[in-house]
Every structure is written in C-alpha cells, then in structure tokens.
Protein backbone atom coordinates (compact mmCIF):
# COMPACT_ATOMS: atom_id res chain seq x y z
CA MET A 1 -143.68 15.12 10.65
CA ALA A 2 -144.07 14.89 14.41
CA ASP A 3 -147.41 13.07 14.03
CA ARG A 4 -145.80 10.54 11.70
CA GLU A 5 -142.89 9.95 14.06
CA THR A 6 -145.17 9.32 17.05
CA ARG A 7 -147.72 7.21 15.20
CA PRO A 8 -148.11 3.73 16.79
CA THR A 9 -146.22 1.11 14.82
CA THR A 10 -147.71 -2.10 16.28
CA VAL A 11 -151.08 -3.26 17.51
CA TRP A 12 -149.76 -3.13 21.08
CA SER A 13 -148.86 0.54 20.78
CA ARG A 14 -152.44 1.75 21.08
CA PRO A 15 -155.41 1.08 23.40
CA GLU A 16 -157.55 -1.95 22.69
CA ARG A 17 -160.56 0.25 21.97
CA GLY A 18 -161.03 3.94 21.32
CA ALA A 19 -162.67 6.11 23.93
CA ARG A 20 -165.67 6.77 21.68
CA GLY A 21 -168.36 4.42 20.47
CA PRO A 22 -170.41 1.74 22.23
CA ALA A 23 -169.09 -0.34 25.09
CA PRO A 24 -166.81 -3.13 23.86
CA GLU A 25 -168.48 -6.51 23.42
CA ARG A 26 -165.29 -8.53 23.42
CA SER A 27 -161.55 -8.15 23.95
CA ARG A 28 -158.49 -8.57 21.78
CA ALA A 29 -157.64 -11.67 23.82
CA GLN A 30 -161.00 -13.26 22.95
CA ILE A 31 -160.63 -12.39 19.28
CA THR A 32 -157.08 -13.76 19.25
CA ALA A 33 -158.15 -17.00 20.95
CA ALA A 34 -160.84 -17.51 18.31
CA ALA A 35 -158.29 -16.88 15.56
CA LEU A 36 -155.91 -19.43 17.10
CA ALA A 37 -158.68 -22.03 17.19
CA LEU A 38 -159.52 -21.31 13.56
CA ALA A 39 -155.88 -21.64 12.46
CA ASP A 40 -155.40 -24.85 14.45
CA ALA A 41 -158.50 -26.38 12.89
CA GLU A 42 -158.22 -25.18 9.29
CA GLY A 43 -154.75 -23.72 8.74
CA LEU A 44 -153.40 -20.22 8.45
CA ALA A 45 -154.95 -19.55 5.04
CA ALA A 46 -158.41 -19.95 6.58
CA VAL A 47 -157.84 -17.04 8.95
CA SER A 48 -159.54 -13.98 7.50
CA MET A 49 -161.45 -11.18 9.15
CA ARG A 50 -164.65 -12.44 7.51
CA ALA A 51 -164.15 -16.06 8.62
CA LEU A 52 -163.24 -14.95 12.12
CA ALA A 53 -166.32 -12.73 12.31
CA GLN A 54 -168.49 -15.68 11.30
CA ARG A 55 -166.89 -17.79 14.00
CA LEU A 56 -167.63 -15.09 16.57
CA GLY A 57 -171.15 -14.47 15.30
CA THR A 58 -170.58 -10.86 14.33
CA GLY A 59 -169.80 -8.74 11.29
CA PRO A 60 -166.28 -8.12 9.95
CA ALA A 61 -166.62 -4.37 10.46
CA SER A 62 -167.01 -4.87 14.20
CA LEU A 63 -163.63 -6.63 14.42
CA TYR A 64 -161.85 -3.64 12.93
CA ARG A 65 -162.73 -1.70 16.06
CA TYR A 66 -160.31 -3.98 17.90
CA VAL A 67 -157.79 -5.01 15.23
CA GLY A 68 -156.75 -2.71 12.41
CA SER A 69 -155.92 -5.38 9.83
CA ARG A 70 -155.35 -9.08 9.25
CA ASP A 71 -151.61 -8.47 9.67
CA GLU A 72 -152.24 -7.10 13.14
CA LEU A 73 -154.37 -10.15 13.92
CA LEU A 74 -151.50 -12.42 12.84
CA ASP A 75 -149.13 -10.48 15.10
CA LEU A 76 -151.50 -11.03 18.03
CA MET A 77 -151.74 -14.74 17.23
CA ALA A 78 -147.97 -15.22 17.15
CA ASP A 79 -147.53 -13.39 20.43
CA ALA A 80 -150.33 -15.38 22.06
CA VAL A 81 -148.44 -18.59 21.29
CA ALA A 82 -145.31 -17.07 22.82
CA GLY A 83 -147.43 -16.47 25.92
CA GLU A 84 -148.04 -20.22 26.22
CA LEU A 85 -144.42 -20.79 27.27
CA ASP A 86 -143.82 -21.05 31.01
CA LEU A 87 -141.17 -18.48 31.96
CA SER A 88 -141.77 -18.73 35.69
CA GLY A 89 -138.74 -20.89 36.38
CA ALA A 90 -135.86 -19.17 38.14
CA THR A 91 -132.69 -18.57 36.17
CA GLY A 92 -129.17 -18.96 37.47
CA GLY A 93 -128.92 -22.74 37.65
CA ASP A 94 -127.36 -24.80 34.88
CA TRP A 95 -127.78 -22.48 31.89
CA LEU A 96 -127.57 -25.28 29.35
CA ASP A 97 -130.25 -27.36 31.08
CA ASP A 98 -132.50 -24.33 31.40
CA LEU A 99 -132.05 -23.29 27.79
CA VAL A 100 -132.70 -26.81 26.51
CA GLY A 101 -135.89 -26.89 28.58
CA LEU A 102 -136.98 -23.60 27.03
CA ALA A 103 -136.20 -24.97 23.56
CA LEU A 104 -138.35 -28.03 24.21
CA GLN A 105 -141.23 -25.77 25.18
CA SER A 106 -140.77 -23.74 22.01
CA ARG A 107 -140.71 -26.83 19.82
CA ASP A 108 -143.85 -28.19 21.49
CA ALA A 109 -145.64 -24.88 20.89
CA HIS A 110 -144.81 -25.14 17.19
CA VAL A 111 -146.07 -28.73 17.16
CA ARG A 112 -149.37 -27.62 18.72
CA HIS A 113 -149.67 -24.82 16.19
CA PRO A 114 -148.10 -26.10 12.94
CA TRP A 115 -149.08 -22.92 11.07
CA LEU A 116 -146.82 -20.81 13.32
CA ALA A 117 -143.60 -21.49 11.38
CA ASP A 118 -145.16 -20.31 8.13
CA LEU A 119 -146.55 -17.27 9.87
CA ASN A 120 -143.16 -16.28 11.23
CA ASP A 121 -141.62 -16.77 7.78
CA ARG A 122 -144.06 -14.26 6.32
CA ARG A 123 -144.36 -11.62 8.99
CA GLY A 124 -140.72 -10.87 9.77
CA GLU A 125 -139.48 -9.79 13.16
CA VAL A 126 -142.51 -8.23 14.85
CA LEU A 127 -142.07 -8.87 18.56
CA GLY A 128 -145.04 -8.56 20.89
CA PRO A 129 -144.90 -8.33 24.68
CA HIS A 130 -144.85 -12.10 25.25
CA ALA A 131 -142.14 -12.60 22.65
CA ILE A 132 -140.05 -9.88 24.28
CA ASP A 133 -140.55 -11.56 27.67
CA TYR A 134 -139.32 -14.81 26.11
CA LEU A 135 -136.23 -13.15 24.66
CA ASP A 136 -135.41 -11.45 27.93
CA HIS A 137 -135.90 -14.71 29.84
CA ALA A 138 -133.61 -16.60 27.45
CA LEU A 139 -130.92 -13.95 27.80
CA GLY A 140 -131.32 -14.14 31.57
CA ILE A 141 -130.68 -17.88 31.40
CA LEU A 142 -127.56 -17.16 29.35
CA ALA A 143 -126.25 -14.50 31.76
CA PRO A 144 -123.73 -16.88 33.43
CA ALA A 145 -122.78 -18.53 30.13
CA PRO A 146 -119.59 -17.64 28.27
CA GLY A 147 -119.75 -15.62 25.09
CA THR A 148 -120.51 -12.09 23.96
CA ALA A 149 -123.92 -10.44 23.89
CA GLY A 150 -124.02 -10.93 20.13
CA GLN A 151 -123.23 -14.63 20.43
CA LYS A 152 -125.99 -15.05 23.00
CA LEU A 153 -128.54 -13.40 20.73
CA GLU A 154 -127.40 -15.73 17.94
CA ALA A 155 -127.77 -18.71 20.28
CA VAL A 156 -131.37 -17.75 21.07
CA GLY A 157 -131.99 -17.48 17.32
CA LEU A 158 -130.50 -20.93 16.78
CA LEU A 159 -132.72 -22.31 19.51
CA GLY A 160 -135.80 -20.97 17.77
CA GLY A 161 -134.68 -22.18 14.37
CA LEU A 162 -134.10 -25.73 15.57
CA ALA A 163 -137.46 -25.70 17.35
CA VAL A 164 -139.15 -24.83 14.06
CA LEU A 165 -137.16 -27.43 12.11
CA PHE A 166 -137.98 -30.28 14.48
CA ALA A 167 -141.63 -29.25 14.72
CA ARG A 168 -141.89 -29.36 10.94
CA ARG A 169 -140.24 -32.79 10.91
CA GLU A 170 -142.76 -34.00 13.48
CA ALA A 171 -145.62 -32.67 11.37
CA ALA A 172 -144.15 -34.48 8.36
CA ALA A 173 -143.92 -37.67 10.39
CA ALA A 174 -147.56 -37.35 11.38
CA SER A 175 -148.67 -36.81 7.78
CA THR A 176 -146.65 -39.71 6.33
CA GLY A 177 -146.90 -42.14 9.22
CA ASP A 178 -143.10 -42.27 9.46
CA PRO A 179 -141.94 -41.79 13.07
CA ALA A 180 -138.30 -41.63 11.96
CA ALA A 181 -139.00 -38.40 10.09
CA ALA A 182 -139.53 -36.63 13.39
CA THR A 183 -135.92 -37.26 14.39
CA SER A 184 -134.29 -36.42 11.08
CA THR A 185 -132.41 -33.17 10.63
CA GLY A 186 -132.76 -33.14 6.87
CA GLY A 187 -130.41 -33.98 4.04
CA PRO A 188 -130.71 -36.94 1.68
CA ALA A 189 -131.35 -39.45 4.42
CA GLY A 190 -133.89 -37.26 6.13
CA ALA A 191 -135.81 -35.95 3.14
CA THR A 192 -139.50 -36.58 3.54
CA SER A 193 -142.13 -36.37 0.84
CA THR A 194 -145.53 -37.81 0.12
CA GLY A 195 -146.74 -40.03 -2.67
CA GLY A 196 -145.20 -43.04 -4.32
CA PRO A 197 -145.48 -46.71 -3.42
CA ALA A 198 -144.30 -48.24 -0.17
CA GLY A 199 -140.60 -48.98 -0.24
CA ASP A 200 -139.90 -46.03 -2.51
CA PRO A 201 -137.03 -43.86 -1.14
CA ALA A 202 -138.94 -40.78 -2.33
CA THR A 203 -141.56 -41.52 0.33
CA GLY A 204 -141.20 -41.35 4.09
CA ASP A 205 -140.19 -45.03 4.31
CA PRO A 206 -137.04 -44.98 6.49
CA ALA A 207 -135.95 -48.49 5.48
CA ALA A 208 -136.15 -47.60 1.79
CA ARG A 209 -134.20 -44.37 2.36
CA ALA A 210 -131.48 -46.18 4.27
CA ALA A 211 -131.20 -48.91 1.65
CA HIS A 212 -131.01 -46.37 -1.17
CA LEU A 213 -128.30 -44.36 0.56
CA ALA A 214 -126.30 -47.48 1.40
CA ALA A 215 -126.49 -48.65 -2.21
CA VAL A 216 -125.27 -45.29 -3.51
CA ALA A 217 -122.41 -45.24 -1.01
CA ALA A 218 -121.39 -48.79 -1.94
CA GLU A 219 -120.82 -47.76 -5.54
CA GLY A 220 -117.51 -46.33 -4.41
CA ARG A 221 -117.88 -42.79 -5.77
CA HIS A 222 -118.65 -41.29 -2.35
CA PRO A 223 -115.93 -42.58 0.00
CA HIS A 224 -116.63 -40.09 2.79
CA LEU A 225 -120.30 -41.02 2.87
CA LEU A 226 -119.45 -44.70 2.92
CA ALA A 227 -117.00 -44.22 5.79
CA ALA A 228 -119.54 -42.20 7.79
CA LEU A 229 -122.31 -44.76 7.30
CA THR A 230 -119.99 -47.61 8.21
CA ALA A 231 -118.80 -45.87 11.37
CA ALA A 232 -122.27 -44.75 12.43
CA GLY A 233 -123.80 -48.21 12.23
CA ALA A 234 -127.52 -48.76 12.76
CA PRO A 235 -129.42 -45.71 13.99
CA PRO A 236 -130.94 -45.82 17.48
CA PRO A 237 -134.72 -46.11 17.87
CA ALA A 238 -136.60 -42.91 17.04
CA ASP A 239 -136.97 -40.55 20.00
CA ARG A 240 -138.57 -37.19 19.39
CA ASP A 241 -136.62 -35.50 22.18
CA ALA A 242 -133.24 -37.21 22.13
CA LEU A 243 -131.79 -35.85 18.89
CA PHE A 244 -133.17 -32.37 19.53
CA VAL A 245 -131.59 -32.21 22.97
CA ARG A 246 -128.34 -33.75 21.77
CA LEU A 247 -127.93 -31.18 19.00
CA LEU A 248 -128.63 -28.29 21.34
CA ARG A 249 -126.13 -29.56 23.88
CA ARG A 250 -123.47 -29.77 21.19
CA LEU A 251 -124.20 -26.56 19.32
CA LEU A 252 -124.95 -24.07 22.10
CA PRO A 253 -121.69 -24.50 24.05
CA ALA A 254 -119.76 -24.37 20.77
CA MET A 255 -121.43 -21.10 19.83
CA LEU A 256 -120.79 -19.53 23.21
CA GLY A 257 -117.37 -20.96 24.01
CA GLN A 258 -114.65 -19.92 21.63
CA GLY A 259 -116.67 -18.74 18.65
CA GLU A 260 -115.97 -15.44 16.93
CA PRO A 261 -117.89 -12.40 18.22
C-alpha cells in the first residue's frame, strides 16, 4: 500500500531518465518541442509515439525511456504552451489591466496552437509546473481585487474559457474567410459553419446572417430580439481584441464585486 501511495502520479513527479542505461541522447524538452511542431503542422491526431519517433529519427521504444505514454506526452505539450506566456511582469498595479493582458496572451497561445483547446477538453485538469506558475501569477494579480478566494479561482477559469472560445472563433474565421466570426461570441448571429453557397446564412457570411436574423425578428414573433437589434444598430468594424477585452472588463469586476461566494 505504501508503494502505491508514493507512486509518481504525473510525468513531472519522476526524473527525466533513470539512473541505469546508456547516456541520454535527448531531453524531454526536445521531445516536447518536436511534438508541438508536429501538432502545429498536422493536428493533434497526428501526434503518436511512432510519428514522433520518425520525426526525431529514432525508434518508438527509445522515446518510452523519456515519456511513459502518449498521455504523458500530451501533458508535456500542454504545459510547454503554458510556458510560452510571459509572467515576468510585476503584479500590484491595476489588477484588471494586468489580468486582461494575461488573458490576451492566453488567447494568442491558443491561436498559435489551435489543437490545444481540444487537448484540454480530453485530458482534464492535469497541471504541470508552467500551468501552476500561471495560476499562481493570475491569483497574485487578483490579490488586491475584491472577492473571495473561490471567486478569484472562478475568475481565472472564466479567463481561460473565454480565451479558448475566442481562439476557436478566430480559427473558424480563418477557415471560412469571415473576419467577423473572430469577434462573435456565439449564438444564432455568431454561428459559423462551412459549406453552402455565398449569401447563405448557414455559412460564415456575416451579411447573410444579419439579414436572416433581421427578417426573423421583423416577423413580430420575437419582440425582445427585435428591440435589441433596433437598439444595437449596425455593429462596429471587426476587431479581434476589442470584444474580448470589453467582455473581460465587464465580467471580471462583476464576478469579483458583489457576486455570491
């Protein structure tokens, strides 16, 4: 029982290489970097121990001396992306400005690595050293903010969730050629799909979506939607940062101000 209780539970809980055997030819960092490049080029499904070994010019068995399984490799990849964020800035200034800046970094990391959102969906909450540094840094930013410890943890979670959402919207915009999709938060007006002729509201054509929604609202069966569209007027030009920042500045203070614990 004692052996089971003290058994390492993550890839970071044990040395990179055992004390026995030949001298290591590469490091976990090198293997992880190669896996990141493979995922960026071909997608997450392409990342296998065999494909990675081919990329590195070695056999799959040799990789298992450094990484115990594909799941451990995926954990290393996710944490390596977390390590791309710059946490060197001092905390203690304007907490909202600092947290928004951190959120922009997180969103950009997801844009650079579009497979990361799917990976996090599948792997659960396995936090590596860089991810823990990120969490601690975010909580340090929030130290002077109002709210309970639980609310602050929820705020950091919201920040990550919005980063993923907007990164996915930006990826959809890139695939459909619709820049407006990058600034949509979802819902009927923001739904993005592929296929169909130009001008079809089922596609990423923003003009067609707007016209379809306006026509439905004008039928008179959705008075609240009609009132909202009338009051909102024409949308501003697409800006990949503006809506993201605006939502964070509205939501974060609300979560930390007078929300329930």
